[in-house]
């Protein structure tokens, strides 16, 4: 017998889905800004292996010569990003949902078991409550990353007025590097997140939309 159980509250679902288009706009507008001074490369012993981003990428997405447009969108949606993030954090604190999200002392060991299971190396299903250990670590990390993006973004945006914040970030250049690394982290998180959603199946995806999941009742399992 199948039963319907509540899994994700409305506020958590709302902030989850709202954050996706906001973050997409932030990354897109950030690329428009970055083109004006694309200094980052992976260089070892004087040899450049990777350049962020090659000219064909910029031209394909019509990025060049749109600095003012990128800054306007970036600094506008920055506030939506911050408000949505603060709403999410406040809700998890006051609703008690943080208990399901924060990693515990067993999370890093169990996250390794989750990885082995996803790679089909380990057949035994790792411990799974509302979120497994890998999800706890990832969802907590993304909150910390969001806070880091906000702090470093403000340090870059107002380096004179918020000089103390820029100093805490290690200076303007370091704040910009951290901001860029965090952006790359969002892209990697998104790719891994999509793969995990596909592996988890339709029932899990449906719960993020409706807030409910369909599960086998314990009575049916015991029988």
N, C-alpha and C. Protein backbone atom coordinates (compact mmCIF):
# COMPACT_ATOMS: atom_id res chain seq x y z
N UNK A 1 0.85 -1.19 0.00
CA UNK A 1 0.00 0.00 0.00
C UNK A 1 0.89 1.25 0.00
N UNK A 2 0.56 2.18 -0.87
CA UNK A 2 1.34 3.41 -0.96
C UNK A 2 0.66 4.53 -0.18
N UNK A 3 1.48 5.34 0.46
CA UNK A 3 0.97 6.46 1.25
C UNK A 3 1.68 7.74 0.80
N UNK A 4 1.01 8.87 1.00
CA UNK A 4 1.58 10.17 0.66
C UNK A 4 2.09 10.83 1.93
N UNK A 5 3.34 11.23 1.92
CA UNK A 5 3.95 11.86 3.09
C UNK A 5 4.51 13.22 2.72
N UNK A 6 4.34 14.18 3.63
CA UNK A 6 4.88 15.52 3.40
C UNK A 6 6.39 15.48 3.57
N UNK A 7 7.10 16.18 2.67
CA UNK A 7 8.56 16.17 2.71
C UNK A 7 9.16 17.57 2.73
N UNK A 8 8.77 18.44 1.80
CA UNK A 8 9.37 19.77 1.69
C UNK A 8 8.33 20.86 1.92
N UNK A 9 8.52 21.70 2.94
CA UNK A 9 7.58 22.81 3.20
C UNK A 9 7.56 23.80 2.03
N UNK A 10 6.49 24.58 1.98
CA UNK A 10 6.29 25.52 0.87
C UNK A 10 7.41 26.54 0.77
N UNK A 11 7.84 27.11 1.90
CA UNK A 11 8.88 28.16 1.86
C UNK A 11 10.18 27.61 1.29
N UNK A 12 10.55 26.39 1.67
CA UNK A 12 11.79 25.81 1.18
C UNK A 12 11.69 25.52 -0.32
N UNK A 13 10.52 25.10 -0.77
CA UNK A 13 10.34 24.85 -2.21
C UNK A 13 10.36 26.17 -2.98
N UNK A 14 9.71 27.18 -2.43
CA UNK A 14 9.65 28.49 -3.10
C UNK A 14 11.04 29.09 -3.25
N UNK A 15 11.79 29.12 -2.16
CA UNK A 15 13.13 29.71 -2.22
C UNK A 15 14.05 28.88 -3.11
N UNK A 16 13.84 27.58 -3.15
CA UNK A 16 14.65 26.71 -4.00
C UNK A 16 14.44 27.04 -5.47
N UNK A 17 13.18 27.16 -5.90
CA UNK A 17 12.89 27.39 -7.31
C UNK A 17 13.14 28.83 -7.72
N UNK A 18 12.93 29.78 -6.81
CA UNK A 18 13.20 31.18 -7.12
C UNK A 18 14.70 31.41 -7.28
N UNK A 19 15.48 30.70 -6.50
CA UNK A 19 16.92 30.90 -6.51
C UNK A 19 17.56 30.50 -7.84
N UNK A 20 16.97 29.55 -8.54
CA UNK A 20 17.56 29.08 -9.79
C UNK A 20 17.61 30.18 -10.86
N UNK A 21 16.48 30.84 -11.22
CA UNK A 21 16.59 31.89 -12.23
C UNK A 21 17.41 33.09 -11.77
N UNK A 22 17.34 33.41 -10.46
CA UNK A 22 18.13 34.53 -9.95
C UNK A 22 19.62 34.25 -10.11
N UNK A 23 20.03 33.05 -9.72
CA UNK A 23 21.44 32.69 -9.82
C UNK A 23 21.88 32.62 -11.28
N UNK A 24 21.00 32.15 -12.15
CA UNK A 24 21.33 32.10 -13.58
C UNK A 24 21.58 33.50 -14.13
N UNK A 25 20.74 34.46 -13.74
CA UNK A 25 20.91 35.84 -14.18
C UNK A 25 22.20 36.44 -13.59
N UNK A 26 22.49 36.10 -12.34
CA UNK A 26 23.70 36.60 -11.71
C UNK A 26 24.96 36.10 -12.43
N UNK A 27 24.96 34.82 -12.80
CA UNK A 27 26.12 34.26 -13.49
C UNK A 27 26.24 34.87 -14.89
N UNK A 28 25.11 34.98 -15.59
CA UNK A 28 25.12 35.57 -16.94
C UNK A 28 25.62 37.02 -16.91
N UNK A 29 25.08 37.82 -16.01
CA UNK A 29 25.50 39.22 -15.92
C UNK A 29 26.94 39.33 -15.42
N UNK A 30 27.35 38.37 -14.58
CA UNK A 30 28.73 38.36 -14.11
C UNK A 30 29.71 38.12 -15.26
N UNK A 31 29.30 37.30 -16.22
CA UNK A 31 30.15 37.08 -17.40
C UNK A 31 30.30 38.35 -18.22
N UNK A 32 29.22 39.13 -18.31
CA UNK A 32 29.30 40.40 -19.04
C UNK A 32 30.29 41.35 -18.37
N UNK A 33 30.30 41.33 -17.04
CA UNK A 33 31.23 42.18 -16.29
C UNK A 33 32.65 41.65 -16.42
N UNK A 34 32.78 40.33 -16.30
CA UNK A 34 34.11 39.72 -16.32
C UNK A 34 34.83 39.95 -17.64
N UNK A 35 34.10 40.03 -18.75
CA UNK A 35 34.74 40.20 -20.05
C UNK A 35 35.60 41.46 -20.10
N UNK A 36 35.19 42.49 -19.34
CA UNK A 36 35.94 43.75 -19.37
C UNK A 36 37.36 43.59 -18.82
N UNK A 37 37.58 42.54 -18.02
CA UNK A 37 38.92 42.32 -17.46
C UNK A 37 39.08 40.83 -17.14
N UNK A 38 39.15 40.01 -18.21
CA UNK A 38 39.21 38.56 -18.03
C UNK A 38 40.65 38.12 -17.79
N UNK A 39 41.05 38.22 -16.54
CA UNK A 39 42.46 38.03 -16.19
C UNK A 39 42.79 36.61 -15.74
N UNK A 40 41.78 35.80 -15.44
CA UNK A 40 42.07 34.52 -14.79
C UNK A 40 42.42 33.42 -15.79
N UNK A 41 43.50 32.74 -15.49
CA UNK A 41 43.96 31.61 -16.29
C UNK A 41 44.53 30.56 -15.35
N UNK A 42 44.70 29.33 -15.88
CA UNK A 42 45.42 28.28 -15.16
C UNK A 42 46.78 28.17 -15.84
N UNK A 43 47.79 28.75 -15.18
CA UNK A 43 49.13 28.81 -15.77
C UNK A 43 50.13 28.11 -14.86
N UNK A 44 50.91 27.19 -15.43
CA UNK A 44 51.91 26.44 -14.67
C UNK A 44 53.25 26.57 -15.39
N UNK A 45 54.24 27.08 -14.66
CA UNK A 45 55.59 27.27 -15.20
C UNK A 45 55.57 28.07 -16.50
N UNK A 46 54.73 29.11 -16.50
CA UNK A 46 54.68 29.99 -17.65
C UNK A 46 53.84 29.51 -18.81
N UNK A 47 53.29 28.30 -18.71
CA UNK A 47 52.46 27.77 -19.80
C UNK A 47 50.98 27.86 -19.41
N UNK A 48 50.19 28.51 -20.25
CA UNK A 48 48.78 28.69 -19.97
C UNK A 48 47.98 27.49 -20.48
N UNK A 49 47.32 26.79 -19.55
CA UNK A 49 46.54 25.62 -19.91
C UNK A 49 45.06 25.96 -20.14
N UNK A 50 44.54 26.86 -19.32
CA UNK A 50 43.12 27.22 -19.42
C UNK A 50 42.97 28.73 -19.31
N UNK A 51 42.13 29.30 -20.14
CA UNK A 51 41.80 30.72 -20.05
C UNK A 51 40.29 30.85 -19.88
N UNK A 52 39.88 31.60 -18.86
CA UNK A 52 38.45 31.84 -18.63
C UNK A 52 38.10 33.22 -19.20
N UNK A 53 37.42 33.32 -20.23
CA UNK A 53 36.88 32.32 -21.14
C UNK A 53 37.45 32.60 -22.52
N UNK A 54 37.52 31.59 -23.41
CA UNK A 54 38.09 31.83 -24.75
C UNK A 54 37.21 32.78 -25.55
N UNK A 55 37.80 33.39 -26.56
CA UNK A 55 37.08 34.39 -27.37
C UNK A 55 35.84 33.81 -28.05
N UNK A 56 35.93 32.54 -28.51
CA UNK A 56 34.77 31.96 -29.20
C UNK A 56 33.57 31.84 -28.26
N UNK A 57 33.84 31.61 -26.95
CA UNK A 57 32.75 31.53 -25.96
C UNK A 57 32.09 32.88 -25.80
N UNK A 58 32.88 33.92 -25.65
CA UNK A 58 32.36 35.27 -25.48
C UNK A 58 31.53 35.72 -26.68
N UNK A 59 32.05 35.42 -27.87
CA UNK A 59 31.34 35.84 -29.08
C UNK A 59 30.06 35.04 -29.30
N UNK A 60 30.10 33.75 -28.95
CA UNK A 60 28.92 32.90 -29.14
C UNK A 60 27.75 33.36 -28.28
N UNK A 61 28.04 33.87 -27.10
CA UNK A 61 26.99 34.32 -26.19
C UNK A 61 26.83 35.85 -26.20
N UNK A 62 27.45 36.50 -27.18
CA UNK A 62 27.33 37.96 -27.35
C UNK A 62 27.69 38.71 -26.07
N UNK A 63 28.79 38.29 -25.44
CA UNK A 63 29.21 38.89 -24.18
C UNK A 63 29.98 40.20 -24.35
N UNK A 64 30.85 40.34 -25.36
CA UNK A 64 31.66 41.56 -25.45
C UNK A 64 30.86 42.86 -25.51
N UNK A 65 31.45 43.91 -24.95
CA UNK A 65 30.93 45.28 -25.02
C UNK A 65 29.55 45.43 -24.37
N UNK A 66 29.31 44.71 -23.29
CA UNK A 66 28.02 44.81 -22.59
C UNK A 66 28.27 45.00 -21.09
N UNK A 67 29.33 45.72 -20.74
CA UNK A 67 29.72 45.91 -19.35
C UNK A 67 28.64 46.63 -18.56
N UNK A 68 28.13 47.75 -19.07
CA UNK A 68 27.12 48.53 -18.34
C UNK A 68 25.86 47.71 -18.11
N UNK A 69 25.45 46.97 -19.13
CA UNK A 69 24.26 46.12 -19.00
C UNK A 69 24.47 45.04 -17.94
N UNK A 70 25.65 44.43 -17.97
CA UNK A 70 25.96 43.39 -16.99
C UNK A 70 25.96 43.92 -15.57
N UNK A 71 26.55 45.09 -15.36
CA UNK A 71 26.59 45.69 -14.02
C UNK A 71 25.19 46.04 -13.53
N UNK A 72 24.35 46.55 -14.43
CA UNK A 72 22.99 46.93 -14.04
C UNK A 72 22.20 45.72 -13.56
N UNK A 73 22.26 44.63 -14.33
CA UNK A 73 21.53 43.41 -13.95
C UNK A 73 22.13 42.77 -12.69
N UNK A 74 23.45 42.74 -12.63
CA UNK A 74 24.13 42.08 -11.52
C UNK A 74 23.81 42.76 -10.18
N UNK A 75 23.89 44.08 -10.16
CA UNK A 75 23.68 44.80 -8.90
C UNK A 75 22.19 44.88 -8.53
N UNK A 76 21.31 44.73 -9.51
CA UNK A 76 19.88 44.68 -9.21
C UNK A 76 19.50 43.33 -8.61
N UNK A 77 19.87 42.26 -9.29
CA UNK A 77 19.46 40.92 -8.83
C UNK A 77 20.27 40.44 -7.64
N UNK A 78 21.35 41.15 -7.32
CA UNK A 78 22.09 40.85 -6.11
C UNK A 78 21.19 40.95 -4.88
N UNK A 79 20.30 41.94 -4.88
CA UNK A 79 19.42 42.13 -3.72
C UNK A 79 18.36 41.03 -3.64
N UNK A 80 17.86 40.58 -4.78
CA UNK A 80 16.92 39.46 -4.77
C UNK A 80 17.60 38.18 -4.29
N UNK A 81 18.84 37.99 -4.73
CA UNK A 81 19.62 36.84 -4.30
C UNK A 81 19.82 36.85 -2.79
N UNK A 82 20.17 38.03 -2.25
CA UNK A 82 20.40 38.16 -0.81
C UNK A 82 19.11 37.96 -0.02
N UNK A 83 18.01 38.58 -0.45
CA UNK A 83 16.74 38.46 0.26
C UNK A 83 16.23 37.03 0.25
N UNK A 84 16.33 36.37 -0.90
CA UNK A 84 15.88 34.99 -1.00
C UNK A 84 16.71 34.08 -0.09
N UNK A 85 18.01 34.33 -0.06
CA UNK A 85 18.89 33.54 0.79
C UNK A 85 18.61 33.75 2.27
N UNK A 86 18.41 35.01 2.68
CA UNK A 86 18.12 35.30 4.08
C UNK A 86 16.77 34.71 4.50
N UNK A 87 15.80 34.74 3.60
CA UNK A 87 14.50 34.15 3.90
C UNK A 87 14.63 32.65 4.13
N UNK A 88 15.42 32.00 3.28
CA UNK A 88 15.64 30.56 3.40
C UNK A 88 16.32 30.23 4.73
N UNK A 89 17.38 30.96 5.06
CA UNK A 89 18.13 30.69 6.29
C UNK A 89 17.26 30.94 7.52
N UNK A 90 16.55 32.06 7.53
CA UNK A 90 15.68 32.37 8.67
C UNK A 90 14.60 31.32 8.86
N UNK A 91 14.03 30.86 7.75
CA UNK A 91 12.98 29.85 7.87
C UNK A 91 13.54 28.54 8.44
N UNK A 92 14.70 28.11 7.94
CA UNK A 92 15.27 26.86 8.45
C UNK A 92 15.62 26.95 9.93
N UNK A 93 15.99 28.16 10.39
CA UNK A 93 16.32 28.34 11.80
C UNK A 93 15.07 28.28 12.67
N UNK A 94 14.06 29.07 12.32
CA UNK A 94 12.86 29.18 13.16
C UNK A 94 11.92 27.99 13.02
N UNK A 95 11.98 27.29 11.89
CA UNK A 95 11.10 26.12 11.70
C UNK A 95 11.72 24.84 12.23
N UNK A 96 13.02 24.88 12.50
CA UNK A 96 13.71 23.68 12.96
C UNK A 96 14.21 22.79 11.83
N UNK A 97 14.04 23.23 10.57
CA UNK A 97 14.48 22.43 9.44
C UNK A 97 16.01 22.29 9.39
N UNK A 98 16.72 23.16 10.10
CA UNK A 98 18.17 23.09 10.11
C UNK A 98 18.67 21.75 10.66
N UNK A 99 17.84 21.11 11.49
CA UNK A 99 18.24 19.81 12.06
C UNK A 99 18.42 18.75 10.99
N UNK A 100 17.66 18.87 9.90
CA UNK A 100 17.76 17.90 8.80
C UNK A 100 18.87 18.26 7.82
N UNK A 101 19.33 19.52 7.86
CA UNK A 101 20.27 20.02 6.85
C UNK A 101 21.72 20.03 7.30
N UNK A 102 21.96 20.37 8.57
CA UNK A 102 23.34 20.50 9.01
C UNK A 102 24.03 19.14 9.10
N UNK A 103 25.27 19.04 8.63
CA UNK A 103 26.02 17.77 8.76
C UNK A 103 26.30 17.47 10.23
N UNK A 104 26.43 16.19 10.55
CA UNK A 104 26.83 15.79 11.90
C UNK A 104 28.19 15.10 11.83
N UNK A 105 28.63 14.54 12.93
CA UNK A 105 29.98 13.97 12.97
C UNK A 105 30.13 12.72 12.11
N UNK A 106 29.00 12.14 11.69
CA UNK A 106 29.06 10.95 10.85
C UNK A 106 28.91 11.29 9.36
N UNK A 107 28.59 12.55 9.05
CA UNK A 107 28.20 12.90 7.69
C UNK A 107 29.30 12.68 6.66
N UNK A 108 30.54 13.02 6.98
CA UNK A 108 31.61 12.90 5.98
C UNK A 108 31.92 11.43 5.68
N UNK A 109 31.85 10.58 6.70
CA UNK A 109 32.06 9.15 6.45
C UNK A 109 30.89 8.58 5.64
N UNK A 110 29.67 8.98 5.98
CA UNK A 110 28.50 8.47 5.26
C UNK A 110 28.42 9.03 3.85
N UNK A 111 28.92 10.25 3.65
CA UNK A 111 28.93 10.84 2.30
C UNK A 111 29.79 10.01 1.36
N UNK A 112 30.87 9.46 1.87
CA UNK A 112 31.72 8.59 1.06
C UNK A 112 30.95 7.33 0.64
N UNK A 113 30.12 6.81 1.55
CA UNK A 113 29.30 5.65 1.23
C UNK A 113 28.25 5.99 0.17
N UNK A 114 27.72 7.21 0.23
CA UNK A 114 26.76 7.67 -0.79
C UNK A 114 27.42 7.71 -2.15
N UNK A 115 28.66 8.22 -2.20
CA UNK A 115 29.39 8.30 -3.47
C UNK A 115 29.64 6.91 -4.04
N UNK A 116 30.07 5.98 -3.20
CA UNK A 116 30.33 4.62 -3.65
C UNK A 116 29.05 3.96 -4.16
N UNK A 117 27.94 4.25 -3.50
CA UNK A 117 26.66 3.68 -3.93
C UNK A 117 26.23 4.27 -5.27
N UNK A 118 26.39 5.58 -5.44
CA UNK A 118 26.02 6.23 -6.70
C UNK A 118 26.86 5.73 -7.87
N UNK A 119 28.11 5.35 -7.58
CA UNK A 119 29.00 4.84 -8.62
C UNK A 119 28.83 3.34 -8.83
N UNK A 120 27.85 2.75 -8.09
CA UNK A 120 27.55 1.32 -8.19
C UNK A 120 28.72 0.45 -7.76
N UNK A 121 29.57 1.00 -6.89
CA UNK A 121 30.67 0.23 -6.33
C UNK A 121 30.20 -0.49 -5.06
N UNK A 122 29.31 0.16 -4.35
CA UNK A 122 28.76 -0.41 -3.11
C UNK A 122 27.26 -0.61 -3.28
N UNK A 123 26.79 -1.82 -3.02
CA UNK A 123 25.39 -2.15 -3.25
C UNK A 123 24.49 -1.74 -2.09
N UNK A 124 25.03 -1.77 -0.87
CA UNK A 124 24.22 -1.43 0.30
C UNK A 124 23.83 0.04 0.27
N UNK A 125 22.54 0.32 0.46
CA UNK A 125 22.06 1.70 0.46
C UNK A 125 22.55 2.41 1.72
N UNK A 126 23.20 3.57 1.60
CA UNK A 126 23.69 4.30 2.77
C UNK A 126 22.53 4.87 3.58
N UNK A 127 22.79 5.27 4.84
CA UNK A 127 21.73 5.84 5.68
C UNK A 127 21.02 7.00 4.99
N UNK A 128 19.71 6.97 4.98
CA UNK A 128 18.93 7.99 4.29
C UNK A 128 17.75 8.40 5.17
N UNK A 129 17.78 9.65 5.60
CA UNK A 129 16.64 10.19 6.32
C UNK A 129 15.93 11.15 5.37
N UNK A 130 15.67 12.36 5.79
CA UNK A 130 15.10 13.32 4.85
C UNK A 130 16.14 13.68 3.79
N UNK A 131 17.38 13.87 4.22
CA UNK A 131 18.51 14.10 3.32
C UNK A 131 19.62 13.15 3.72
N UNK A 132 20.33 12.63 2.73
CA UNK A 132 21.47 11.79 3.07
C UNK A 132 22.67 12.68 3.43
N UNK A 133 23.77 12.03 3.82
CA UNK A 133 24.93 12.78 4.31
C UNK A 133 25.52 13.69 3.24
N UNK A 134 25.58 13.21 2.00
CA UNK A 134 26.14 14.03 0.93
C UNK A 134 25.28 15.26 0.68
N UNK A 135 23.97 15.10 0.75
CA UNK A 135 23.06 16.23 0.57
C UNK A 135 23.22 17.23 1.70
N UNK A 136 23.36 16.76 2.91
CA UNK A 136 23.55 17.66 4.06
C UNK A 136 24.79 18.53 3.86
N UNK A 137 25.88 17.90 3.46
CA UNK A 137 27.13 18.64 3.25
C UNK A 137 26.98 19.63 2.10
N UNK A 138 26.38 19.18 1.00
CA UNK A 138 26.25 20.03 -0.19
C UNK A 138 25.33 21.21 0.08
N UNK A 139 24.19 20.99 0.73
CA UNK A 139 23.22 22.06 0.96
C UNK A 139 23.74 23.07 1.98
N UNK A 140 24.50 22.59 2.95
CA UNK A 140 25.12 23.51 3.91
C UNK A 140 26.21 24.32 3.23
N UNK A 141 26.99 23.65 2.39
CA UNK A 141 28.08 24.34 1.68
C UNK A 141 27.54 25.42 0.76
N UNK A 142 26.40 25.17 0.11
CA UNK A 142 25.87 26.16 -0.83
C UNK A 142 25.37 27.40 -0.09
N UNK A 143 24.92 27.23 1.15
CA UNK A 143 24.52 28.39 1.95
C UNK A 143 25.75 29.22 2.32
N UNK A 144 26.82 28.54 2.73
CA UNK A 144 28.07 29.24 3.06
C UNK A 144 28.62 29.94 1.82
N UNK A 145 28.53 29.29 0.67
CA UNK A 145 29.00 29.89 -0.59
C UNK A 145 28.19 31.13 -0.94
N UNK A 146 26.87 31.06 -0.71
CA UNK A 146 26.02 32.21 -0.99
C UNK A 146 26.40 33.41 -0.14
N UNK A 147 26.67 33.15 1.14
CA UNK A 147 27.11 34.22 2.03
C UNK A 147 28.46 34.78 1.58
N UNK A 148 29.35 33.88 1.15
CA UNK A 148 30.65 34.31 0.67
C UNK A 148 30.55 35.16 -0.59
N UNK A 149 29.62 34.79 -1.48
CA UNK A 149 29.42 35.57 -2.70
C UNK A 149 28.90 36.96 -2.38
N UNK A 150 28.00 37.04 -1.42
CA UNK A 150 27.44 38.33 -1.03
C UNK A 150 28.51 39.24 -0.42
N UNK A 151 29.31 38.68 0.47
CA UNK A 151 30.35 39.47 1.13
C UNK A 151 31.41 39.94 0.13
N UNK A 152 31.93 39.02 -0.69
CA UNK A 152 32.96 39.39 -1.65
C UNK A 152 32.39 40.31 -2.74
N UNK A 153 31.12 40.10 -3.10
CA UNK A 153 30.49 40.96 -4.09
C UNK A 153 30.38 42.39 -3.61
N UNK A 154 30.00 42.57 -2.34
CA UNK A 154 29.92 43.91 -1.77
C UNK A 154 31.32 44.54 -1.66
N UNK A 155 32.32 43.70 -1.35
CA UNK A 155 33.69 44.20 -1.25
C UNK A 155 34.19 44.70 -2.60
N UNK A 156 33.76 44.05 -3.67
CA UNK A 156 34.14 44.48 -5.03
C UNK A 156 33.32 45.69 -5.46
N UNK A 157 32.05 45.68 -5.10
CA UNK A 157 31.12 46.72 -5.52
C UNK A 157 31.44 48.08 -4.88
N UNK A 158 31.76 48.05 -3.59
CA UNK A 158 32.05 49.29 -2.85
C UNK A 158 33.38 49.16 -2.10
N UNK A 159 34.50 49.08 -2.82
CA UNK A 159 35.79 48.88 -2.13
C UNK A 159 36.25 50.07 -1.30
N UNK A 160 35.73 51.26 -1.60
CA UNK A 160 36.11 52.44 -0.83
C UNK A 160 35.20 52.61 0.38
N UNK A 161 33.88 52.62 0.13
CA UNK A 161 32.92 52.79 1.22
C UNK A 161 32.99 51.63 2.21
N UNK A 162 33.19 50.40 1.69
CA UNK A 162 33.26 49.21 2.54
C UNK A 162 34.70 48.70 2.58
N UNK A 163 35.63 49.61 2.82
CA UNK A 163 37.04 49.26 2.80
C UNK A 163 37.39 48.18 3.82
N UNK A 164 36.70 48.21 4.97
CA UNK A 164 36.97 47.22 6.02
C UNK A 164 36.56 45.81 5.56
N UNK A 165 35.48 45.74 4.78
CA UNK A 165 35.03 44.45 4.25
C UNK A 165 36.00 43.95 3.19
N UNK A 166 36.47 44.86 2.33
CA UNK A 166 37.47 44.51 1.32
C UNK A 166 38.75 44.04 1.98
N UNK A 167 39.12 44.69 3.08
CA UNK A 167 40.32 44.29 3.83
C UNK A 167 40.15 42.89 4.41
N UNK A 168 38.95 42.59 4.95
CA UNK A 168 38.69 41.26 5.51
C UNK A 168 38.76 40.17 4.45
N UNK A 169 38.46 40.53 3.22
CA UNK A 169 38.51 39.56 2.11
C UNK A 169 39.92 39.40 1.55
N UNK A 170 40.86 40.15 2.12
CA UNK A 170 42.24 40.04 1.64
C UNK A 170 42.59 41.04 0.57
N UNK A 171 41.75 42.07 0.41
CA UNK A 171 42.00 43.08 -0.62
C UNK A 171 41.07 42.89 -1.81
N UNK A 172 41.07 43.88 -2.68
CA UNK A 172 40.16 43.87 -3.84
C UNK A 172 40.42 42.69 -4.76
N UNK A 173 41.70 42.46 -5.07
CA UNK A 173 42.04 41.38 -5.99
C UNK A 173 41.65 40.02 -5.43
N UNK A 174 41.94 39.78 -4.15
CA UNK A 174 41.59 38.50 -3.53
C UNK A 174 40.07 38.33 -3.46
N UNK A 175 39.35 39.41 -3.16
CA UNK A 175 37.88 39.34 -3.11
C UNK A 175 37.33 38.95 -4.48
N UNK A 176 37.93 39.50 -5.53
CA UNK A 176 37.47 39.18 -6.90
C UNK A 176 37.78 37.73 -7.25
N UNK A 177 38.94 37.23 -6.83
CA UNK A 177 39.30 35.84 -7.10
C UNK A 177 38.34 34.90 -6.38
N UNK A 178 38.07 35.17 -5.10
CA UNK A 178 37.15 34.33 -4.33
C UNK A 178 35.77 34.35 -4.95
N UNK A 179 35.33 35.53 -5.36
CA UNK A 179 34.01 35.68 -5.99
C UNK A 179 33.92 34.83 -7.26
N UNK A 180 34.99 34.83 -8.03
CA UNK A 180 35.03 34.06 -9.27
C UNK A 180 35.02 32.56 -8.98
N UNK A 181 35.82 32.12 -8.00
CA UNK A 181 35.89 30.71 -7.64
C UNK A 181 34.53 30.21 -7.15
N UNK A 182 33.85 31.03 -6.36
CA UNK A 182 32.52 30.65 -5.87
C UNK A 182 31.54 30.48 -7.02
N UNK A 183 31.66 31.33 -8.04
CA UNK A 183 30.79 31.22 -9.22
C UNK A 183 31.02 29.91 -9.94
N UNK A 184 32.28 29.54 -10.10
CA UNK A 184 32.61 28.25 -10.70
C UNK A 184 32.02 27.12 -9.85
N UNK A 185 32.07 27.30 -8.53
CA UNK A 185 31.50 26.31 -7.61
C UNK A 185 30.00 26.13 -7.81
N UNK A 186 29.29 27.23 -8.07
CA UNK A 186 27.84 27.13 -8.32
C UNK A 186 27.55 26.29 -9.56
N UNK A 187 28.34 26.51 -10.60
CA UNK A 187 28.13 25.77 -11.85
C UNK A 187 28.37 24.28 -11.62
N UNK A 188 29.44 23.94 -10.90
CA UNK A 188 29.73 22.54 -10.60
C UNK A 188 28.65 21.94 -9.72
N UNK A 189 28.19 22.70 -8.75
CA UNK A 189 27.12 22.23 -7.86
C UNK A 189 25.86 21.94 -8.67
N UNK A 190 25.53 22.84 -9.61
CA UNK A 190 24.33 22.68 -10.41
C UNK A 190 24.41 21.39 -11.25
N UNK A 191 25.56 21.13 -11.86
CA UNK A 191 25.72 19.93 -12.68
C UNK A 191 25.56 18.67 -11.83
N UNK A 192 26.23 18.64 -10.68
CA UNK A 192 26.14 17.49 -9.78
C UNK A 192 24.73 17.33 -9.25
N UNK A 193 24.09 18.45 -8.95
CA UNK A 193 22.72 18.44 -8.41
C UNK A 193 21.75 17.82 -9.42
N UNK A 194 21.88 18.19 -10.68
CA UNK A 194 21.02 17.65 -11.72
C UNK A 194 21.22 16.15 -11.87
N UNK A 195 22.48 15.71 -11.84
CA UNK A 195 22.78 14.28 -11.94
C UNK A 195 22.16 13.53 -10.77
N UNK A 196 22.28 14.10 -9.56
CA UNK A 196 21.71 13.47 -8.38
C UNK A 196 20.20 13.39 -8.45
N UNK A 197 19.57 14.42 -8.99
CA UNK A 197 18.11 14.42 -9.14
C UNK A 197 17.68 13.31 -10.09
N UNK A 198 18.41 13.14 -11.18
CA UNK A 198 18.09 12.09 -12.14
C UNK A 198 18.25 10.71 -11.50
N UNK A 199 19.34 10.53 -10.73
CA UNK A 199 19.57 9.26 -10.07
C UNK A 199 18.52 8.97 -9.01
N UNK A 200 18.05 10.02 -8.33
CA UNK A 200 17.06 9.84 -7.26
C UNK A 200 15.70 9.43 -7.80
N UNK A 201 15.39 9.82 -9.04
CA UNK A 201 14.13 9.38 -9.64
C UNK A 201 13.02 10.41 -9.56
N UNK A 202 11.92 10.06 -10.20
CA UNK A 202 10.78 10.95 -10.35
C UNK A 202 10.11 11.30 -9.02
N UNK A 203 10.02 10.33 -8.12
CA UNK A 203 9.34 10.56 -6.85
C UNK A 203 10.01 11.67 -6.05
N UNK A 204 11.33 11.68 -6.07
CA UNK A 204 12.07 12.72 -5.36
C UNK A 204 11.88 14.08 -6.01
N UNK A 205 11.92 14.12 -7.36
CA UNK A 205 11.73 15.37 -8.07
C UNK A 205 10.32 15.93 -7.84
N UNK A 206 9.34 15.05 -7.83
CA UNK A 206 7.96 15.46 -7.62
C UNK A 206 7.77 16.09 -6.24
N UNK A 207 8.51 15.58 -5.25
CA UNK A 207 8.37 16.10 -3.89
C UNK A 207 8.86 17.53 -3.78
N UNK A 208 9.84 17.92 -4.62
CA UNK A 208 10.36 19.29 -4.59
C UNK A 208 9.36 20.26 -5.23
N UNK A 209 8.45 19.74 -6.05
CA UNK A 209 7.42 20.56 -6.67
C UNK A 209 6.16 20.61 -5.81
N UNK A 210 5.68 19.44 -5.41
CA UNK A 210 4.41 19.36 -4.67
C UNK A 210 4.58 19.44 -3.16
N UNK A 211 5.77 19.04 -2.69
CA UNK A 211 5.99 19.01 -1.24
C UNK A 211 5.71 17.65 -0.64
N UNK A 212 5.21 16.71 -1.44
CA UNK A 212 4.87 15.39 -0.94
C UNK A 212 5.58 14.31 -1.75
N UNK A 213 5.79 13.17 -1.12
CA UNK A 213 6.35 12.03 -1.82
C UNK A 213 5.49 10.80 -1.55
N UNK A 214 5.52 9.88 -2.47
CA UNK A 214 4.75 8.63 -2.35
C UNK A 214 5.69 7.53 -1.87
N UNK A 215 5.32 6.89 -0.76
CA UNK A 215 6.17 5.85 -0.19
C UNK A 215 5.33 4.63 0.14
N UNK A 216 6.01 3.50 0.24
CA UNK A 216 5.36 2.28 0.68
C UNK A 216 5.13 2.36 2.19
N UNK A 217 3.92 2.02 2.62
CA UNK A 217 3.63 2.07 4.07
C UNK A 217 4.37 0.96 4.77
N UNK A 218 4.68 1.19 6.04
CA UNK A 218 5.40 0.20 6.83
C UNK A 218 4.59 -1.07 6.99
N UNK A 219 3.26 -0.93 7.03
CA UNK A 219 2.39 -2.09 7.19
C UNK A 219 2.52 -3.00 5.98
N UNK A 220 2.60 -2.39 4.78
CA UNK A 220 2.70 -3.16 3.55
C UNK A 220 4.04 -3.86 3.45
N UNK A 221 5.10 -3.18 3.95
CA UNK A 221 6.45 -3.76 3.93
C UNK A 221 6.53 -4.94 4.88
N UNK A 222 5.94 -4.78 6.09
CA UNK A 222 6.00 -5.82 7.10
C UNK A 222 5.20 -7.06 6.71
N UNK A 223 4.13 -6.83 5.95
CA UNK A 223 3.30 -7.95 5.53
C UNK A 223 3.99 -8.78 4.46
